[in-house]
Amino acid sequence: LPQQDDTWIVGIFKPPLWISDGATPRRPSVIVVVESEHGMVLMQDM
């Protein structure tokens, strides 16, 4: 892939929220990748 001169920031966070989809409530982690200069979210995963 082409490489651009930009910086990304990545982190894992455990938000203070519980979700339940009919099963046992759970508290997933969120992984977020942000482009640092403009603060654009490039990816978020749980």
ModelCIF file with pLDDT and N, C-alpha, C, O atoms, coordinates in Angstrom:
data_MODEL
#
_entry.id   MODEL 
#
_entity.id                         1 
_entity.type                       polymer 
_entity.pdbx_number_of_molecules   1 
#
_entity_poly.entity_id                      1 
_entity_poly.type                           'polypeptide(L)' 
_entity_poly.nstd_linkage                   no 
_entity_poly.nstd_monomer                   no 
_entity_poly.pdbx_seq_one_letter_code       LPQQDDTWIVGIFKPPLWISDGATPRRPSVIVVVESEHGMVLMQDM 
_entity_poly.pdbx_seq_one_letter_code_can   LPQQDDTWIVGIFKPPLWISDGATPRRPSVIVVVESEHGMVLMQDM 
_entity_poly.pdbx_strand_id                 A 
#
loop_
_entity_poly_seq.entity_id 
_entity_poly_seq.num 
_entity_poly_seq.mon_id 
_entity_poly_seq.hetero 
1 1  LEU n 
1 2  PRO n 
1 3  GLN n 
1 4  GLN n 
1 5  ASP n 
1 6  ASP n 
1 7  THR n 
1 8  TRP n 
1 9  ILE n 
1 10 VAL n 
1 11 GLY n 
1 12 ILE n 
1 13 PHE n 
1 14 LYS n 
1 15 PRO n 
1 16 PRO n 
1 17 LEU n 
1 18 TRP n 
1 19 ILE n 
1 20 SER n 
1 21 ASP n 
1 22 GLY n 
1 23 ALA n 
1 24 THR n 
1 25 PRO n 
1 26 ARG n 
1 27 ARG n 
1 28 PRO n 
1 29 SER n 
1 30 VAL n 
1 31 ILE n 
1 32 VAL n 
1 33 VAL n 
1 34 VAL n 
1 35 GLU n 
1 36 SER n 
1 37 GLU n 
1 38 HIS n 
1 39 GLY n 
1 40 MET n 
1 41 VAL n 
1 42 LEU n 
1 43 MET n 
1 44 GLN n 
1 45 ASP n 
1 46 MET n 
#
_struct_asym.id          A 
_struct_asym.entity_id   1 
#
loop_
_ma_qa_metric.id 
_ma_qa_metric.mode 
_ma_qa_metric.name 
_ma_qa_metric.software_group_id 
_ma_qa_metric.type 
1 global pLDDT . pLDDT 
2 local  pLDDT . pLDDT 
#
_ma_qa_metric_global.metric_id      1 
_ma_qa_metric_global.metric_value   87.48 
_ma_qa_metric_global.model_id       1 
_ma_qa_metric_global.ordinal_id     1 
#
loop_
_ma_qa_metric_local.label_asym_id 
_ma_qa_metric_local.label_comp_id 
_ma_qa_metric_local.label_seq_id 
_ma_qa_metric_local.metric_id 
_ma_qa_metric_local.metric_value 
_ma_qa_metric_local.model_id 
_ma_qa_metric_local.ordinal_id 
A LEU 1  2 91.00 1 1  
A PRO 2  2 93.00 1 2  
A GLN 3  2 93.00 1 3  
A GLN 4  2 94.00 1 4  
A ASP 5  2 95.00 1 5  
A ASP 6  2 94.00 1 6  
A THR 7  2 96.00 1 7  
A TRP 8  2 96.00 1 8  
A ILE 9  2 95.00 1 9  
A VAL 10 2 95.00 1 10 
A GLY 11 2 93.00 1 11 
A ILE 12 2 91.00 1 12 
A PHE 13 2 89.00 1 13 
A LYS 14 2 86.00 1 14 
A PRO 15 2 81.00 1 15 
A PRO 16 2 79.00 1 16 
A LEU 17 2 76.00 1 17 
A TRP 18 2 78.00 1 18 
A ILE 19 2 76.00 1 19 
A SER 20 2 74.00 1 20 
A ASP 21 2 70.00 1 21 
A GLY 22 2 73.00 1 22 
A ALA 23 2 74.00 1 23 
A THR 24 2 81.00 1 24 
A PRO 25 2 83.00 1 25 
A ARG 26 2 83.00 1 26 
A ARG 27 2 84.00 1 27 
A PRO 28 2 85.00 1 28 
A SER 29 2 88.00 1 29 
A VAL 30 2 88.00 1 30 
A ILE 31 2 92.00 1 31 
A VAL 32 2 92.00 1 32 
A VAL 33 2 95.00 1 33 
A VAL 34 2 94.00 1 34 
A GLU 35 2 94.00 1 35 
A SER 36 2 91.00 1 36 
A GLU 37 2 89.00 1 37 
A HIS 38 2 88.00 1 38 
A GLY 39 2 87.00 1 39 
A MET 40 2 90.00 1 40 
A VAL 41 2 91.00 1 41 
A LEU 42 2 93.00 1 42 
A MET 43 2 93.00 1 43 
A GLN 44 2 89.00 1 44 
A ASP 45 2 88.00 1 45 
A MET 46 2 84.00 1 46 
#
loop_
_atom_site.group_PDB 
_atom_site.id 
_atom_site.type_symbol 
_atom_site.label_atom_id 
_atom_site.label_alt_id 
_atom_site.label_comp_id 
_atom_site.label_asym_id 
_atom_site.label_entity_id 
_atom_site.label_seq_id 
_atom_site.pdbx_PDB_ins_code 
_atom_site.Cartn_x 
_atom_site.Cartn_y 
_atom_site.Cartn_z 
_atom_site.occupancy 
_atom_site.B_iso_or_equiv 
_atom_site.pdbx_formal_charge 
_atom_site.auth_seq_id 
_atom_site.auth_comp_id 
_atom_site.auth_asym_id 
_atom_site.auth_atom_id 
_atom_site.pdbx_PDB_model_num 
ATOM 1   N N  . LEU A 1 1  ? 0.841   -1.197  0.000  1.00 91.00 ? 1  LEU A N  1 
ATOM 2   C CA . LEU A 1 1  ? 0.000   0.000   0.000  1.00 91.00 ? 1  LEU A CA 1 
ATOM 3   C C  . LEU A 1 1  ? 0.875   1.245   0.000  1.00 91.00 ? 1  LEU A C  1 
ATOM 4   O O  . LEU A 1 1  ? 1.964   1.234   0.574  1.00 91.00 ? 1  LEU A O  1 
ATOM 5   N N  . PRO A 1 2  ? 0.413   2.323   -0.638 1.00 93.00 ? 2  PRO A N  1 
ATOM 6   C CA . PRO A 1 2  ? 1.200   3.566   -0.567 1.00 93.00 ? 2  PRO A CA 1 
ATOM 7   C C  . PRO A 1 2  ? 1.281   4.047   0.880  1.00 93.00 ? 2  PRO A C  1 
ATOM 8   O O  . PRO A 1 2  ? 0.360   3.856   1.675  1.00 93.00 ? 2  PRO A O  1 
ATOM 9   N N  . GLN A 1 3  ? 2.401   4.672   1.192  1.00 93.00 ? 3  GLN A N  1 
ATOM 10  C CA . GLN A 1 3  ? 2.574   5.182   2.557  1.00 93.00 ? 3  GLN A CA 1 
ATOM 11  C C  . GLN A 1 3  ? 2.476   6.698   2.530  1.00 93.00 ? 3  GLN A C  1 
ATOM 12  O O  . GLN A 1 3  ? 3.137   7.358   1.728  1.00 93.00 ? 3  GLN A O  1 
ATOM 13  N N  . GLN A 1 4  ? 1.647   7.247   3.413  1.00 94.00 ? 4  GLN A N  1 
ATOM 14  C CA . GLN A 1 4  ? 1.500   8.686   3.514  1.00 94.00 ? 4  GLN A CA 1 
ATOM 15  C C  . GLN A 1 4  ? 2.169   9.171   4.790  1.00 94.00 ? 4  GLN A C  1 
ATOM 16  O O  . GLN A 1 4  ? 2.325   8.426   5.758  1.00 94.00 ? 4  GLN A O  1 
ATOM 17  N N  . ASP A 1 5  ? 2.554   10.423  4.765  1.00 95.00 ? 5  ASP A N  1 
ATOM 18  C CA . ASP A 1 5  ? 3.224   11.010  5.917  1.00 95.00 ? 5  ASP A CA 1 
ATOM 19  C C  . ASP A 1 5  ? 2.182   11.494  6.917  1.00 95.00 ? 5  ASP A C  1 
ATOM 20  O O  . ASP A 1 5  ? 2.003   12.696  7.114  1.00 95.00 ? 5  ASP A O  1 
ATOM 21  N N  . ASP A 1 6  ? 1.499   10.542  7.545  1.00 94.00 ? 6  ASP A N  1 
ATOM 22  C CA . ASP A 1 6  ? 0.541   10.908  8.570  1.00 94.00 ? 6  ASP A CA 1 
ATOM 23  C C  . ASP A 1 6  ? 0.731   10.027  9.795  1.00 94.00 ? 6  ASP A C  1 
ATOM 24  O O  . ASP A 1 6  ? 1.376   8.980   9.739  1.00 94.00 ? 6  ASP A O  1 
ATOM 25  N N  . THR A 1 7  ? 0.162   10.470  10.885 1.00 96.00 ? 7  THR A N  1 
ATOM 26  C CA . THR A 1 7  ? 0.277   9.779   12.168 1.00 96.00 ? 7  THR A CA 1 
ATOM 27  C C  . THR A 1 7  ? -1.103  9.363   12.628 1.00 96.00 ? 7  THR A C  1 
ATOM 28  O O  . THR A 1 7  ? -2.054  10.144  12.593 1.00 96.00 ? 7  THR A O  1 
ATOM 29  N N  . TRP A 1 8  ? -1.191  8.118   13.059 1.00 96.00 ? 8  TRP A N  1 
ATOM 30  C CA . TRP A 1 8  ? -2.434  7.596   13.607 1.00 96.00 ? 8  TRP A CA 1 
ATOM 31  C C  . TRP A 1 8  ? -2.226  7.309   15.084 1.00 96.00 ? 8  TRP A C  1 
ATOM 32  O O  . TRP A 1 8  ? -1.114  7.021   15.527 1.00 96.00 ? 8  TRP A O  1 
ATOM 33  N N  . ILE A 1 9  ? -3.317  7.395   15.837 1.00 95.00 ? 9  ILE A N  1 
ATOM 34  C CA . ILE A 1 9  ? -3.290  7.061   17.259 1.00 95.00 ? 9  ILE A CA 1 
ATOM 35  C C  . ILE A 1 9  ? -4.270  5.911   17.460 1.00 95.00 ? 9  ILE A C  1 
ATOM 36  O O  . ILE A 1 9  ? -5.382  5.939   16.931 1.00 95.00 ? 9  ILE A O  1 
ATOM 37  N N  . VAL A 1 10 ? -3.862  4.906   18.220 1.00 95.00 ? 10 VAL A N  1 
ATOM 38  C CA . VAL A 1 10 ? -4.725  3.758   18.474 1.00 95.00 ? 10 VAL A CA 1 
ATOM 39  C C  . VAL A 1 10 ? -4.781  3.485   19.972 1.00 95.00 ? 10 VAL A C  1 
ATOM 40  O O  . VAL A 1 10 ? -3.807  3.694   20.694 1.00 95.00 ? 10 VAL A O  1 
ATOM 41  N N  . GLY A 1 11 ? -5.931  3.018   20.419 1.00 93.00 ? 11 GLY A N  1 
ATOM 42  C CA . GLY A 1 11 ? -6.056  2.681   21.833 1.00 93.00 ? 11 GLY A CA 1 
ATOM 43  C C  . GLY A 1 11 ? -7.221  1.751   22.084 1.00 93.00 ? 11 GLY A C  1 
ATOM 44  O O  . GLY A 1 11 ? -8.164  1.680   21.295 1.00 93.00 ? 11 GLY A O  1 
ATOM 45  N N  . ILE A 1 12 ? -7.143  1.038   23.198 1.00 91.00 ? 12 ILE A N  1 
ATOM 46  C CA . ILE A 1 12 ? -8.228  0.176   23.667 1.00 91.00 ? 12 ILE A CA 1 
ATOM 47  C C  . ILE A 1 12 ? -8.832  0.843   24.896 1.00 91.00 ? 12 ILE A C  1 
ATOM 48  O O  . ILE A 1 12 ? -8.117  1.251   25.811 1.00 91.00 ? 12 ILE A O  1 
ATOM 49  N N  . PHE A 1 13 ? -10.162 0.947   24.905 1.00 89.00 ? 13 PHE A N  1 
ATOM 50  C CA . PHE A 1 13 ? -10.849 1.577   26.026 1.00 89.00 ? 13 PHE A CA 1 
ATOM 51  C C  . PHE A 1 13 ? -12.003 0.695   26.481 1.00 89.00 ? 13 PHE A C  1 
ATOM 52  O O  . PHE A 1 13 ? -12.624 -0.001  25.678 1.00 89.00 ? 13 PHE A O  1 
ATOM 53  N N  . LYS A 1 14 ? -12.274 0.731   27.749 1.00 86.00 ? 14 LYS A N  1 
ATOM 54  C CA . LYS A 1 14 ? -13.395 -0.015  28.328 1.00 86.00 ? 14 LYS A CA 1 
ATOM 55  C C  . LYS A 1 14 ? -14.404 1.032   28.797 1.00 86.00 ? 14 LYS A C  1 
ATOM 56  O O  . LYS A 1 14 ? -14.342 1.478   29.943 1.00 86.00 ? 14 LYS A O  1 
ATOM 57  N N  . PRO A 1 15 ? -15.348 1.434   27.911 1.00 81.00 ? 15 PRO A N  1 
ATOM 58  C CA . PRO A 1 15 ? -16.310 2.476   28.300 1.00 81.00 ? 15 PRO A CA 1 
ATOM 59  C C  . PRO A 1 15 ? -17.171 2.024   29.474 1.00 81.00 ? 15 PRO A C  1 
ATOM 60  O O  . PRO A 1 15 ? -17.387 0.827   29.660 1.00 81.00 ? 15 PRO A O  1 
ATOM 61  N N  . PRO A 1 16 ? -17.659 2.963   30.257 1.00 79.00 ? 16 PRO A N  1 
ATOM 62  C CA . PRO A 1 16 ? -18.490 2.626   31.412 1.00 79.00 ? 16 PRO A CA 1 
ATOM 63  C C  . PRO A 1 16 ? -19.932 2.325   30.997 1.00 79.00 ? 16 PRO A C  1 
ATOM 64  O O  . PRO A 1 16 ? -20.876 2.901   31.537 1.00 79.00 ? 16 PRO A O  1 
ATOM 65  N N  . LEU A 1 17 ? -20.090 1.412   30.028 1.00 76.00 ? 17 LEU A N  1 
ATOM 66  C CA . LEU A 1 17 ? -21.401 1.072   29.495 1.00 76.00 ? 17 LEU A CA 1 
ATOM 67  C C  . LEU A 1 17 ? -21.544 -0.431  29.395 1.00 76.00 ? 17 LEU A C  1 
ATOM 68  O O  . LEU A 1 17 ? -20.582 -1.141  29.103 1.00 76.00 ? 17 LEU A O  1 
ATOM 69  N N  . TRP A 1 18 ? -22.743 -0.906  29.638 1.00 78.00 ? 18 TRP A N  1 
ATOM 70  C CA . TRP A 1 18 ? -23.051 -2.325  29.500 1.00 78.00 ? 18 TRP A CA 1 
ATOM 71  C C  . TRP A 1 18 ? -24.029 -2.486  28.353 1.00 78.00 ? 18 TRP A C  1 
ATOM 72  O O  . TRP A 1 18 ? -24.940 -1.672  28.195 1.00 78.00 ? 18 TRP A O  1 
ATOM 73  N N  . ILE A 1 19 ? -23.853 -3.526  27.549 1.00 76.00 ? 19 ILE A N  1 
ATOM 74  C CA . ILE A 1 19 ? -24.819 -3.805  26.494 1.00 76.00 ? 19 ILE A CA 1 
ATOM 75  C C  . ILE A 1 19 ? -25.371 -5.206  26.686 1.00 76.00 ? 19 ILE A C  1 
ATOM 76  O O  . ILE A 1 19 ? -24.706 -6.089  27.228 1.00 76.00 ? 19 ILE A O  1 
ATOM 77  N N  . SER A 1 20 ? -26.604 -5.387  26.227 1.00 74.00 ? 20 SER A N  1 
ATOM 78  C CA . SER A 1 20 ? -27.248 -6.689  26.331 1.00 74.00 ? 20 SER A CA 1 
ATOM 79  C C  . SER A 1 20 ? -28.054 -6.908  25.066 1.00 74.00 ? 20 SER A C  1 
ATOM 80  O O  . SER A 1 20 ? -28.902 -6.090  24.711 1.00 74.00 ? 20 SER A O  1 
ATOM 81  N N  . ASP A 1 21 ? -27.789 -8.013  24.390 1.00 70.00 ? 21 ASP A N  1 
ATOM 82  C CA . ASP A 1 21 ? -28.521 -8.341  23.177 1.00 70.00 ? 21 ASP A CA 1 
ATOM 83  C C  . ASP A 1 21 ? -29.440 -9.532  23.435 1.00 70.00 ? 21 ASP A C  1 
ATOM 84  O O  . ASP A 1 21 ? -29.610 -10.391 22.569 1.00 70.00 ? 21 ASP A O  1 
ATOM 85  N N  . GLY A 1 22 ? -30.026 -9.579  24.615 1.00 73.00 ? 22 GLY A N  1 
ATOM 86  C CA . GLY A 1 22 ? -30.901 -10.674 24.988 1.00 73.00 ? 22 GLY A CA 1 
ATOM 87  C C  . GLY A 1 22 ? -30.181 -11.742 25.784 1.00 73.00 ? 22 GLY A C  1 
ATOM 88  O O  . GLY A 1 22 ? -30.820 -12.605 26.386 1.00 73.00 ? 22 GLY A O  1 
ATOM 89  N N  . ALA A 1 23 ? -28.886 -11.695 25.794 1.00 74.00 ? 23 ALA A N  1 
ATOM 90  C CA . ALA A 1 23 ? -28.089 -12.650 26.566 1.00 74.00 ? 23 ALA A CA 1 
ATOM 91  C C  . ALA A 1 23 ? -27.587 -11.936 27.819 1.00 74.00 ? 23 ALA A C  1 
ATOM 92  O O  . ALA A 1 23 ? -28.164 -10.939 28.254 1.00 74.00 ? 23 ALA A O  1 
ATOM 93  N N  . THR A 1 24 ? -26.533 -12.447 28.377 1.00 81.00 ? 24 THR A N  1 
ATOM 94  C CA . THR A 1 24 ? -25.943 -11.836 29.555 1.00 81.00 ? 24 THR A CA 1 
ATOM 95  C C  . THR A 1 24 ? -25.360 -10.469 29.205 1.00 81.00 ? 24 THR A C  1 
ATOM 96  O O  . THR A 1 24 ? -24.631 -10.356 28.219 1.00 81.00 ? 24 THR A O  1 
ATOM 97  N N  . PRO A 1 25 ? -25.659 -9.431  29.981 1.00 83.00 ? 25 PRO A N  1 
ATOM 98  C CA . PRO A 1 25 ? -25.058 -8.120  29.715 1.00 83.00 ? 25 PRO A CA 1 
ATOM 99  C C  . PRO A 1 25 ? -23.534 -8.229  29.741 1.00 83.00 ? 25 PRO A C  1 
ATOM 100 O O  . PRO A 1 25 ? -22.954 -8.972  30.532 1.00 83.00 ? 25 PRO A O  1 
ATOM 101 N N  . ARG A 1 26 ? -22.912 -7.466  28.852 1.00 83.00 ? 26 ARG A N  1 
ATOM 102 C CA . ARG A 1 26 ? -21.452 -7.489  28.799 1.00 83.00 ? 26 ARG A CA 1 
ATOM 103 C C  . ARG A 1 26 ? -20.929 -6.079  28.607 1.00 83.00 ? 26 ARG A C  1 
ATOM 104 O O  . ARG A 1 26 ? -21.652 -5.165  28.209 1.00 83.00 ? 26 ARG A O  1 
ATOM 105 N N  . ARG A 1 27 ? -19.658 -5.937  28.901 1.00 84.00 ? 27 ARG A N  1 
ATOM 106 C CA . ARG A 1 27 ? -19.000 -4.636  28.814 1.00 84.00 ? 27 ARG A CA 1 
ATOM 107 C C  . ARG A 1 27 ? -17.805 -4.781  27.877 1.00 84.00 ? 27 ARG A C  1 
ATOM 108 O O  . ARG A 1 27 ? -16.688 -5.021  28.336 1.00 84.00 ? 27 ARG A O  1 
ATOM 109 N N  . PRO A 1 28 ? -18.027 -4.637  26.557 1.00 85.00 ? 28 PRO A N  1 
ATOM 110 C CA . PRO A 1 28 ? -16.932 -4.840  25.618 1.00 85.00 ? 28 PRO A CA 1 
ATOM 111 C C  . PRO A 1 28 ? -15.941 -3.679  25.619 1.00 85.00 ? 28 PRO A C  1 
ATOM 112 O O  . PRO A 1 28 ? -16.248 -2.567  26.048 1.00 85.00 ? 28 PRO A O  1 
ATOM 113 N N  . SER A 1 29 ? -14.763 -3.975  25.132 1.00 88.00 ? 29 SER A N  1 
ATOM 114 C CA . SER A 1 29 ? -13.751 -2.947  24.916 1.00 88.00 ? 29 SER A CA 1 
ATOM 115 C C  . SER A 1 29 ? -13.961 -2.348  23.537 1.00 88.00 ? 29 SER A C  1 
ATOM 116 O O  . SER A 1 29 ? -14.480 -3.004  22.634 1.00 88.00 ? 29 SER A O  1 
ATOM 117 N N  . VAL A 1 30 ? -13.558 -1.107  23.387 1.00 88.00 ? 30 VAL A N  1 
ATOM 118 C CA . VAL A 1 30 ? -13.626 -0.424  22.104 1.00 88.00 ? 30 VAL A CA 1 
ATOM 119 C C  . VAL A 1 30 ? -12.196 -0.127  21.670 1.00 88.00 ? 30 VAL A C  1 
ATOM 120 O O  . VAL A 1 30 ? -11.396 0.414   22.434 1.00 88.00 ? 30 VAL A O  1 
ATOM 121 N N  . ILE A 1 31 ? -11.892 -0.494  20.421 1.00 92.00 ? 31 ILE A N  1 
ATOM 122 C CA . ILE A 1 31 ? -10.585 -0.183  19.833 1.00 92.00 ? 31 ILE A CA 1 
ATOM 123 C C  . ILE A 1 31 ? -10.828 0.932   18.838 1.00 92.00 ? 31 ILE A C  1 
ATOM 124 O O  . ILE A 1 31 ? -11.676 0.799   17.956 1.00 92.00 ? 31 ILE A O  1 
ATOM 125 N N  . VAL A 1 32 ? -10.101 2.028   18.962 1.00 92.00 ? 32 VAL A N  1 
ATOM 126 C CA . VAL A 1 32 ? -10.314 3.187   18.100 1.00 92.00 ? 32 VAL A CA 1 
ATOM 127 C C  . VAL A 1 32 ? -8.990  3.567   17.442 1.00 92.00 ? 32 VAL A C  1 
ATOM 128 O O  . VAL A 1 32 ? -7.946  3.619   18.092 1.00 92.00 ? 32 VAL A O  1 
ATOM 129 N N  . VAL A 1 33 ? -9.059  3.835   16.119 1.00 95.00 ? 33 VAL A N  1 
ATOM 130 C CA . VAL A 1 33 ? -7.905  4.323   15.355 1.00 95.00 ? 33 VAL A CA 1 
ATOM 131 C C  . VAL A 1 33 ? -8.294  5.700   14.823 1.00 95.00 ? 33 VAL A C  1 
ATOM 132 O O  . VAL A 1 33 ? -9.285  5.840   14.108 1.00 95.00 ? 33 VAL A O  1 
ATOM 133 N N  . VAL A 1 34 ? -7.508  6.712   15.177 1.00 94.00 ? 34 VAL A N  1 
ATOM 134 C CA . VAL A 1 34 ? -7.800  8.095   14.798 1.00 94.00 ? 34 VAL A CA 1 
ATOM 135 C C  . VAL A 1 34 ? -6.601  8.689   14.066 1.00 94.00 ? 34 VAL A C  1 
ATOM 136 O O  . VAL A 1 34 ? -5.453  8.482   14.461 1.00 94.00 ? 34 VAL A O  1 
ATOM 137 N N  . GLU A 1 35 ? -6.875  9.416   13.012 1.00 94.00 ? 35 GLU A N  1 
ATOM 138 C CA . GLU A 1 35 ? -5.841  10.180  12.317 1.00 94.00 ? 35 GLU A CA 1 
ATOM 139 C C  . GLU A 1 35 ? -5.596  11.418  13.174 1.00 94.00 ? 35 GLU A C  1 
ATOM 140 O O  . GLU A 1 35 ? -6.531  12.162  13.467 1.00 94.00 ? 35 GLU A O  1 
ATOM 141 N N  . SER A 1 36 ? -4.352  11.643  13.576 1.00 91.00 ? 36 SER A N  1 
ATOM 142 C CA . SER A 1 36 ? -4.089  12.632  14.623 1.00 91.00 ? 36 SER A CA 1 
ATOM 143 C C  . SER A 1 36 ? -4.262  14.083  14.204 1.00 91.00 ? 36 SER A C  1 
ATOM 144 O O  . SER A 1 36 ? -4.691  14.901  15.018 1.00 91.00 ? 36 SER A O  1 
ATOM 145 N N  . GLU A 1 37 ? -3.946  14.429  12.969 1.00 89.00 ? 37 GLU A N  1 
ATOM 146 C CA . GLU A 1 37 ? -3.986  15.840  12.577 1.00 89.00 ? 37 GLU A CA 1 
ATOM 147 C C  . GLU A 1 37 ? -5.404  16.410  12.539 1.00 89.00 ? 37 GLU A C  1 
ATOM 148 O O  . GLU A 1 37 ? -5.639  17.528  12.996 1.00 89.00 ? 37 GLU A O  1 
ATOM 149 N N  . HIS A 1 38 ? -6.345  15.639  11.995 1.00 88.00 ? 38 HIS A N  1 
ATOM 150 C CA . HIS A 1 38 ? -7.712  16.123  11.842 1.00 88.00 ? 38 HIS A CA 1 
ATOM 151 C C  . HIS A 1 38 ? -8.707  15.441  12.783 1.00 88.00 ? 38 HIS A C  1 
ATOM 152 O O  . HIS A 1 38 ? -9.875  15.827  12.829 1.00 88.00 ? 38 HIS A O  1 
ATOM 153 N N  . GLY A 1 39 ? -8.258  14.436  13.527 1.00 87.00 ? 39 GLY A N  1 
ATOM 154 C CA . GLY A 1 39 ? -9.126  13.739  14.467 1.00 87.00 ? 39 GLY A CA 1 
ATOM 155 C C  . GLY A 1 39 ? -10.165 12.854  13.813 1.00 87.00 ? 39 GLY A C  1 
ATOM 156 O O  . GLY A 1 39 ? -11.191 12.549  14.420 1.00 87.00 ? 39 GLY A O  1 
ATOM 157 N N  . MET A 1 40 ? -9.910  12.435  12.571 1.00 90.00 ? 40 MET A N  1 
ATOM 158 C CA . MET A 1 40 ? -10.869 11.576  11.865 1.00 90.00 ? 40 MET A CA 1 
ATOM 159 C C  . MET A 1 40 ? -10.764 10.145  12.371 1.00 90.00 ? 40 MET A C  1 
ATOM 160 O O  . MET A 1 40 ? -9.668  9.607   12.526 1.00 90.00 ? 40 MET A O  1 
ATOM 161 N N  . VAL A 1 41 ? -11.924 9.533   12.627 1.00 91.00 ? 41 VAL A N  1 
ATOM 162 C CA . VAL A 1 41 ? -11.948 8.137   13.058 1.00 91.00 ? 41 VAL A CA 1 
ATOM 163 C C  . VAL A 1 41 ? -11.795 7.268   11.813 1.00 91.00 ? 41 VAL A C  1 
ATOM 164 O O  . VAL A 1 41 ? -12.638 7.295   10.916 1.00 91.00 ? 41 VAL A O  1 
ATOM 165 N N  . LEU A 1 42 ? -10.718 6.505   11.770 1.00 93.00 ? 42 LEU A N  1 
ATOM 166 C CA . LEU A 1 42 ? -10.447 5.634   10.631 1.00 93.00 ? 42 LEU A CA 1 
ATOM 167 C C  . LEU A 1 42 ? -11.030 4.244   10.827 1.00 93.00 ? 42 LEU A C  1 
ATOM 168 O O  . LEU A 1 42 ? -11.393 3.573   9.861  1.00 93.00 ? 42 LEU A O  1 
ATOM 169 N N  . MET A 1 43 ? -11.117 3.813   12.081 1.00 93.00 ? 43 MET A N  1 
ATOM 170 C CA . MET A 1 43 ? -11.682 2.494   12.381 1.00 93.00 ? 43 MET A CA 1 
ATOM 171 C C  . MET A 1 43 ? -12.057 2.475   13.848 1.00 93.00 ? 43 MET A C  1 
ATOM 172 O O  . MET A 1 43 ? -11.383 3.064   14.694 1.00 93.00 ? 43 MET A O  1 
ATOM 173 N N  . GLN A 1 44 ? -13.151 1.784   14.127 1.00 89.00 ? 44 GLN A N  1 
ATOM 174 C CA . GLN A 1 44 ? -13.500 1.478   15.507 1.00 89.00 ? 44 GLN A CA 1 
ATOM 175 C C  . GLN A 1 44 ? -14.035 0.066   15.521 1.00 89.00 ? 44 GLN A C  1 
ATOM 176 O O  . GLN A 1 44 ? -14.784 -0.339  14.632 1.00 89.00 ? 44 GLN A O  1 
ATOM 177 N N  . ASP A 1 45 ? -13.656 -0.660  16.512 1.00 88.00 ? 45 ASP A N  1 
ATOM 178 C CA . ASP A 1 45 ? -14.037 -2.055  16.646 1.00 88.00 ? 45 ASP A CA 1 
ATOM 179 C C  . ASP A 1 45 ? -14.434 -2.290  18.094 1.00 88.00 ? 45 ASP A C  1 
ATOM 180 O O  . ASP A 1 45 ? -14.047 -1.537  18.987 1.00 88.00 ? 45 ASP A O  1 
ATOM 181 N N  . MET A 1 46 ? -15.196 -3.324  18.309 1.00 84.00 ? 46 MET A N  1 
ATOM 182 C CA . MET A 1 46 ? -15.534 -3.731  19.668 1.00 84.00 ? 46 MET A CA 1 
ATOM 183 C C  . MET A 1 46 ? -15.134 -5.184  19.832 1.00 84.00 ? 46 MET A C  1 
ATOM 184 O O  . MET A 1 46 ? -15.322 -5.758  20.905 1.00 84.00 ? 46 MET A O  1 
#
